[in-house]
Amino acid sequence: MNFEQFLQSDIFKEFGTGALIGFTLGFTLKRVFKLFVFLIGLYLIGLIYLSNKGIAEIHWNNLESWINYLYEGFKNFVKGITAPVASLGGFAIGFTAGMKS
């Protein structure tokens, strides 16, 4: 098998497609997660400000369970997206590259 036949093989196409999908998802999820953390931070800053002014009372145990619920939902969302990819090797490489970029 020469190099041209290798580039036209189905294995290479699946690997390349998986890598491209992985990179795209990794890059996008990294940005979405940063936005998610930023918004949660703004929400917490607002709650702490309102608590200091005596406008609101914070039940920290309930807030912690709510944040854990959001985190688990996000984690399950990521698992649901990454599960059906056929070429996991290429996907893993692309996803790692996308998260690092």
Protein backbone atom coordinates (compact mmCIF):
# COMPACT_ATOMS: atom_id res chain seq x y z
CA MET A 1 0.00 0.00 0.00
CA ASN A 2 1.51 3.29 -1.05
CA PHE A 3 0.90 6.69 0.53
CA GLU A 4 -1.83 7.76 -1.92
CA GLN A 5 -3.82 4.59 -1.29
CA PHE A 6 -3.44 5.13 2.45
CA LEU A 7 -4.81 8.68 2.16
CA GLN A 8 -7.81 7.39 0.23
CA SER A 9 -8.55 4.51 2.59
CA ASP A 10 -11.66 4.45 4.77
CA ILE A 11 -9.59 4.13 7.95
CA PHE A 12 -7.78 7.39 7.26
CA LYS A 13 -11.04 9.16 6.41
CA GLU A 14 -12.70 7.96 9.65
CA PHE A 15 -9.66 8.94 11.69
CA GLY A 16 -9.50 12.37 10.07
CA THR A 17 -13.22 12.95 10.48
CA GLY A 18 -13.04 11.90 14.12
CA ALA A 19 -10.08 14.21 14.69
CA LEU A 20 -11.87 17.14 13.06
CA ILE A 21 -15.05 16.54 15.08
CA GLY A 22 -12.99 16.11 18.25
CA PHE A 23 -11.07 19.34 17.70
CA THR A 24 -14.24 21.27 16.98
CA LEU A 25 -16.04 19.92 20.03
CA GLY A 26 -13.02 20.38 22.28
CA PHE A 27 -12.54 23.97 21.18
CA THR A 28 -16.24 24.78 21.53
CA LEU A 29 -16.72 23.06 24.88
CA LYS A 30 -13.71 24.84 26.30
CA ARG A 31 -15.24 28.20 25.36
CA VAL A 32 -18.70 27.21 26.59
CA PHE A 33 -17.29 25.99 29.89
CA LYS A 34 -15.38 29.25 30.38
CA LEU A 35 -18.57 31.22 29.75
CA PHE A 36 -20.48 28.93 32.12
CA VAL A 37 -17.92 29.44 34.90
CA PHE A 38 -17.91 33.20 34.30
CA LEU A 39 -21.70 33.42 34.56
CA ILE A 40 -21.76 31.28 37.72
CA GLY A 41 -19.08 33.57 39.18
CA LEU A 42 -21.14 36.68 38.38
CA TYR A 43 -24.18 35.04 39.94
CA LEU A 44 -22.27 34.22 43.12
CA ILE A 45 -20.80 37.73 43.33
CA GLY A 46 -24.31 39.15 43.00
CA LEU A 47 -25.61 36.86 45.73
CA ILE A 48 -22.78 37.72 48.08
CA TYR A 49 -23.36 41.43 47.45
CA LEU A 50 -27.07 41.11 48.18
CA SER A 51 -26.28 39.08 51.29
CA ASN A 52 -23.89 41.74 52.57
CA LYS A 53 -26.53 44.44 52.04
CA GLY A 54 -29.08 42.37 53.99
CA ILE A 55 -31.39 41.99 50.99
CA ALA A 56 -30.98 38.25 50.57
CA GLU A 57 -30.01 35.32 52.77
CA ILE A 58 -27.84 32.62 51.26
CA HIS A 59 -28.33 28.98 52.16
CA TRP A 60 -24.88 27.72 51.22
CA ASN A 61 -25.82 24.02 51.33
CA ASN A 62 -28.64 24.55 48.82
CA LEU A 63 -26.38 26.66 46.60
CA GLU A 64 -23.69 23.98 46.67
CA SER A 65 -26.16 21.26 45.70
CA TRP A 66 -27.48 23.45 42.85
CA ILE A 67 -23.96 24.04 41.50
CA ASN A 68 -23.21 20.31 41.74
CA TYR A 69 -26.44 19.63 39.83
CA LEU A 70 -25.38 22.03 37.06
CA TYR A 71 -21.91 20.47 36.90
CA GLU A 72 -23.32 16.93 36.64
CA GLY A 73 -25.70 18.06 33.90
CA PHE A 74 -22.81 19.60 31.94
CA LYS A 75 -20.71 16.46 32.43
CA ASN A 76 -23.55 14.25 31.17
CA PHE A 77 -24.02 16.59 28.20
CA VAL A 78 -20.36 16.20 27.24
CA LYS A 79 -20.58 12.40 27.60
CA GLY A 80 -23.67 12.36 25.40
CA ILE A 81 -21.92 14.33 22.68
CA THR A 82 -18.72 12.33 22.69
CA ALA A 83 -20.26 8.83 22.94
CA PRO A 84 -21.49 8.26 19.35
CA VAL A 85 -18.23 9.11 17.58
CA ALA A 86 -17.05 6.11 15.54
CA SER A 87 -13.35 6.89 15.39
CA LEU A 88 -12.44 7.40 19.03
CA GLY A 89 -8.69 7.51 18.43
CA GLY A 90 -8.87 10.45 16.07
CA PHE A 91 -11.59 12.04 18.16
CA ALA A 92 -9.48 11.82 21.33
CA ILE A 93 -6.49 13.43 19.62
CA GLY A 94 -8.62 16.17 18.09
CA PHE A 95 -10.52 16.78 21.33
CA THR A 96 -7.28 17.14 23.28
CA ALA A 97 -5.89 19.55 20.68
CA GLY A 98 -9.11 21.56 20.76
CA MET A 99 -9.07 21.84 24.55
CA LYS A 100 -5.46 23.01 24.53
CA SER A 101 -5.94 25.66 21.83
